[in-house]
Each structure stands twice: as structure tokens, then as C-alpha cells.
Amino acid sequence: MKDVKPDLPDGQATHALRHSFATHFMINGGSIITLQRILGHSRIEQTMVYAHFAPEYLQDAVSLNPLRGGVDSQSVHTVSTVG
């Protein structure tokens, strides 16, 4: 049986696999921060390339922000800076 290999430059098969994983991770509702950690990116900007595959993640982040009244905003504690 003959080995079939993708017609890609060296190193590109690994990149394609990582890209495919990251894309499907975001499409299926994965967290951009979790994806950053999985991929080992030091800067979130590197990971944001995949965010356009799941634009609702940003809306979810905004709606869950307790400072904007999302998700039980009563549980947010404030600290007075007045001395």
C-alpha cells in the first residue's frame, strides 16, 4: 500500500491540523482564553485569529460581565477607595 501525504510544504501539515482544531474548538463554543492556553500563544492577539469563527463569544462575554449587570451582578463586591 502506498503512503499518501498532503502536498504541503514542511511544517504546514502541523499548522493545518492546529488551525482546524482551533477553528472547530471556537465553533463549538470554546473559550478564547482556553484556546490561547491550549495553543500556547503568549499573546491573545495570536489566538484572536480564530475568534471570527464564533462571533457570539464576544456577545457572551459582554452579557456575562457582572459590571454591566450580567449574571447575578449582586454577587460583585466593591471596595471603597475613600480613605
N, C-alpha and C. Protein backbone atom coordinates (compact mmCIF):
# COMPACT_ATOMS: atom_id res chain seq x y z
N MET A 1 0.84 -1.17 0.00
CA MET A 1 0.00 0.00 0.00
C MET A 1 0.89 1.24 0.00
N LYS A 2 0.54 2.22 -0.80
CA LYS A 2 1.34 3.44 -0.95
C LYS A 2 0.92 4.48 0.09
N ASP A 3 1.93 5.11 0.72
CA ASP A 3 1.65 6.20 1.66
C ASP A 3 1.13 7.41 0.88
N VAL A 4 0.08 8.01 1.41
CA VAL A 4 -0.46 9.23 0.81
C VAL A 4 -0.15 10.37 1.77
N LYS A 5 0.52 11.38 1.26
CA LYS A 5 0.89 12.52 2.08
C LYS A 5 0.32 13.79 1.47
N PRO A 6 -0.04 14.75 2.32
CA PRO A 6 -0.55 16.01 1.77
C PRO A 6 0.54 16.75 1.01
N ASP A 7 0.14 17.44 -0.02
CA ASP A 7 1.09 18.21 -0.83
C ASP A 7 1.26 19.60 -0.19
N LEU A 8 1.93 19.61 0.96
CA LEU A 8 2.15 20.85 1.70
C LEU A 8 3.63 21.01 1.99
N PRO A 9 4.09 22.26 2.10
CA PRO A 9 5.49 22.47 2.49
C PRO A 9 5.75 21.91 3.88
N ASP A 10 7.01 21.63 4.18
CA ASP A 10 7.37 21.12 5.51
C ASP A 10 6.79 21.99 6.61
N GLY A 11 6.20 21.35 7.60
CA GLY A 11 5.66 22.06 8.75
C GLY A 11 4.23 22.55 8.57
N GLN A 12 3.74 22.59 7.34
CA GLN A 12 2.40 23.11 7.11
C GLN A 12 1.30 22.14 7.51
N ALA A 13 1.57 20.85 7.47
CA ALA A 13 0.55 19.87 7.88
C ALA A 13 0.21 20.06 9.35
N THR A 14 1.23 20.29 10.17
CA THR A 14 1.01 20.53 11.59
C THR A 14 0.21 21.81 11.79
N HIS A 15 0.57 22.85 11.05
CA HIS A 15 -0.15 24.12 11.15
C HIS A 15 -1.62 23.93 10.75
N ALA A 16 -1.86 23.21 9.68
CA ALA A 16 -3.22 22.98 9.21
C ALA A 16 -4.04 22.22 10.26
N LEU A 17 -3.43 21.25 10.91
CA LEU A 17 -4.11 20.50 11.96
C LEU A 17 -4.45 21.40 13.14
N ARG A 18 -3.49 22.22 13.58
CA ARG A 18 -3.73 23.15 14.69
C ARG A 18 -4.83 24.15 14.33
N HIS A 19 -4.78 24.66 13.11
CA HIS A 19 -5.78 25.63 12.66
C HIS A 19 -7.17 24.99 12.64
N SER A 20 -7.25 23.78 12.12
CA SER A 20 -8.52 23.07 12.07
C SER A 20 -9.07 22.82 13.48
N PHE A 21 -8.20 22.37 14.38
CA PHE A 21 -8.63 22.14 15.76
C PHE A 21 -9.15 23.44 16.37
N ALA A 22 -8.38 24.52 16.24
CA ALA A 22 -8.76 25.80 16.85
C ALA A 22 -10.07 26.32 16.28
N THR A 23 -10.25 26.19 14.99
CA THR A 23 -11.48 26.63 14.35
C THR A 23 -12.68 25.86 14.89
N HIS A 24 -12.59 24.55 14.95
CA HIS A 24 -13.70 23.74 15.44
C HIS A 24 -13.92 23.95 16.94
N PHE A 25 -12.87 24.19 17.68
CA PHE A 25 -12.98 24.48 19.11
C PHE A 25 -13.84 25.72 19.31
N MET A 26 -13.58 26.78 18.55
CA MET A 26 -14.35 28.01 18.68
C MET A 26 -15.77 27.85 18.16
N ILE A 27 -15.95 27.17 17.05
CA ILE A 27 -17.29 26.95 16.50
C ILE A 27 -18.17 26.22 17.51
N ASN A 28 -17.57 25.32 18.27
CA ASN A 28 -18.33 24.53 19.25
C ASN A 28 -18.43 25.20 20.61
N GLY A 29 -18.13 26.49 20.67
CA GLY A 29 -18.35 27.25 21.90
C GLY A 29 -17.19 27.31 22.86
N GLY A 30 -16.00 26.97 22.42
CA GLY A 30 -14.83 27.03 23.30
C GLY A 30 -14.48 28.45 23.69
N SER A 31 -13.82 28.59 24.80
CA SER A 31 -13.38 29.89 25.31
C SER A 31 -12.09 30.31 24.62
N ILE A 32 -12.02 31.57 24.24
CA ILE A 32 -10.82 32.08 23.57
C ILE A 32 -9.61 32.02 24.50
N ILE A 33 -9.82 32.21 25.80
CA ILE A 33 -8.73 32.14 26.77
C ILE A 33 -8.23 30.70 26.90
N THR A 34 -9.16 29.76 26.94
CA THR A 34 -8.78 28.35 27.00
C THR A 34 -8.01 27.96 25.74
N LEU A 35 -8.49 28.42 24.60
CA LEU A 35 -7.81 28.11 23.34
C LEU A 35 -6.40 28.70 23.33
N GLN A 36 -6.25 29.90 23.86
CA GLN A 36 -4.92 30.51 23.94
C GLN A 36 -3.97 29.62 24.72
N ARG A 37 -4.46 29.08 25.83
CA ARG A 37 -3.62 28.21 26.65
C ARG A 37 -3.30 26.89 25.94
N ILE A 38 -4.29 26.33 25.28
CA ILE A 38 -4.08 25.06 24.57
C ILE A 38 -3.03 25.23 23.47
N LEU A 39 -3.13 26.33 22.73
CA LEU A 39 -2.21 26.56 21.61
C LEU A 39 -0.85 27.09 22.06
N GLY A 40 -0.78 27.53 23.31
CA GLY A 40 0.49 28.03 23.83
C GLY A 40 0.86 29.42 23.33
N HIS A 41 -0.15 30.19 22.94
CA HIS A 41 0.11 31.55 22.47
C HIS A 41 0.43 32.46 23.65
N SER A 42 1.46 33.26 23.52
CA SER A 42 1.82 34.19 24.59
C SER A 42 0.96 35.45 24.55
N ARG A 43 0.43 35.78 23.37
CA ARG A 43 -0.41 36.97 23.22
C ARG A 43 -1.79 36.57 22.73
N ILE A 44 -2.82 37.15 23.34
CA ILE A 44 -4.20 36.83 22.95
C ILE A 44 -4.45 37.22 21.49
N GLU A 45 -3.73 38.21 20.99
CA GLU A 45 -3.91 38.62 19.59
C GLU A 45 -3.63 37.48 18.62
N GLN A 46 -2.69 36.62 18.98
CA GLN A 46 -2.40 35.46 18.13
C GLN A 46 -3.62 34.55 18.05
N THR A 47 -4.28 34.38 19.17
CA THR A 47 -5.43 33.47 19.25
C THR A 47 -6.68 34.09 18.64
N MET A 48 -6.78 35.41 18.65
CA MET A 48 -7.97 36.09 18.14
C MET A 48 -8.21 35.82 16.66
N VAL A 49 -7.21 35.32 15.96
CA VAL A 49 -7.39 34.95 14.55
C VAL A 49 -8.57 33.99 14.41
N TYR A 50 -8.79 33.16 15.40
CA TYR A 50 -9.84 32.15 15.34
C TYR A 50 -11.18 32.65 15.84
N ALA A 51 -11.22 33.83 16.44
CA ALA A 51 -12.44 34.34 17.06
C ALA A 51 -13.55 34.60 16.05
N HIS A 52 -13.21 34.94 14.82
CA HIS A 52 -14.25 35.23 13.83
C HIS A 52 -15.09 34.01 13.49
N PHE A 53 -14.64 32.84 13.87
CA PHE A 53 -15.42 31.63 13.63
C PHE A 53 -16.54 31.48 14.65
N ALA A 54 -16.49 32.25 15.73
CA ALA A 54 -17.52 32.18 16.77
C ALA A 54 -17.76 33.59 17.31
N PRO A 55 -18.35 34.49 16.51
CA PRO A 55 -18.51 35.87 16.94
C PRO A 55 -19.38 36.04 18.17
N GLU A 56 -20.20 35.04 18.47
CA GLU A 56 -21.06 35.16 19.65
C GLU A 56 -20.27 35.11 20.95
N TYR A 57 -19.00 34.67 20.91
CA TYR A 57 -18.23 34.61 22.14
C TYR A 57 -18.09 35.99 22.76
N LEU A 58 -17.95 37.02 21.92
CA LEU A 58 -17.81 38.37 22.43
C LEU A 58 -19.11 38.83 23.06
N GLN A 59 -20.24 38.54 22.41
CA GLN A 59 -21.53 38.91 22.98
C GLN A 59 -21.75 38.19 24.30
N ASP A 60 -21.37 36.92 24.38
CA ASP A 60 -21.49 36.18 25.64
C ASP A 60 -20.65 36.83 26.73
N ALA A 61 -19.44 37.23 26.40
CA ALA A 61 -18.56 37.85 27.38
C ALA A 61 -19.17 39.15 27.89
N VAL A 62 -19.76 39.93 27.00
CA VAL A 62 -20.39 41.18 27.40
C VAL A 62 -21.61 40.91 28.27
N SER A 63 -22.43 39.95 27.87
CA SER A 63 -23.66 39.68 28.63
C SER A 63 -23.38 39.07 29.99
N LEU A 64 -22.26 38.38 30.15
CA LEU A 64 -21.92 37.76 31.43
C LEU A 64 -21.10 38.67 32.34
N ASN A 65 -20.74 39.84 31.86
CA ASN A 65 -19.92 40.76 32.64
C ASN A 65 -20.73 41.30 33.82
N PRO A 66 -20.35 40.98 35.05
CA PRO A 66 -21.12 41.44 36.20
C PRO A 66 -21.10 42.96 36.36
N LEU A 67 -20.12 43.62 35.80
CA LEU A 67 -20.06 45.08 35.91
C LEU A 67 -21.09 45.76 35.02
N ARG A 68 -21.66 45.00 34.10
CA ARG A 68 -22.72 45.53 33.23
C ARG A 68 -24.07 44.93 33.58
N GLY A 69 -24.17 44.31 34.74
CA GLY A 69 -25.45 43.78 35.19
C GLY A 69 -25.74 42.36 34.75
N GLY A 70 -24.77 41.67 34.20
CA GLY A 70 -24.99 40.30 33.76
C GLY A 70 -24.77 39.31 34.88
N VAL A 71 -25.35 38.15 34.79
CA VAL A 71 -25.19 37.03 35.71
C VAL A 71 -25.04 37.44 37.16
N ASP A 72 -26.10 37.54 37.85
CA ASP A 72 -26.09 37.79 39.30
C ASP A 72 -25.11 38.89 39.68
N SER A 73 -25.36 40.08 39.18
CA SER A 73 -24.45 41.20 39.45
C SER A 73 -24.42 41.56 40.93
N GLN A 74 -25.38 41.06 41.71
CA GLN A 74 -25.39 41.33 43.14
C GLN A 74 -24.22 40.65 43.85
N SER A 75 -23.62 39.65 43.23
CA SER A 75 -22.52 38.94 43.87
C SER A 75 -21.19 39.68 43.72
N VAL A 76 -21.20 40.77 42.97
CA VAL A 76 -19.97 41.55 42.78
C VAL A 76 -19.77 42.44 43.99
N HIS A 77 -18.60 42.39 44.55
CA HIS A 77 -18.29 43.20 45.72
C HIS A 77 -17.42 44.38 45.29
N THR A 78 -17.74 45.55 45.82
CA THR A 78 -16.92 46.71 45.50
C THR A 78 -16.13 47.11 46.73
N VAL A 79 -15.02 47.71 46.50
CA VAL A 79 -14.16 48.16 47.59
C VAL A 79 -14.07 49.67 47.50
N SER A 80 -14.37 50.33 48.59
CA SER A 80 -14.30 51.77 48.62
C SER A 80 -12.85 52.23 48.62
N THR A 81 -12.57 53.23 47.80
CA THR A 81 -11.22 53.78 47.77
C THR A 81 -11.13 55.06 48.60
N VAL A 82 -12.25 55.44 49.20
CA VAL A 82 -12.27 56.63 50.05
C VAL A 82 -11.67 56.26 51.39
N GLY A 83 -10.66 57.00 51.81
CA GLY A 83 -9.89 56.65 52.98
C GLY A 83 -10.51 57.04 54.24
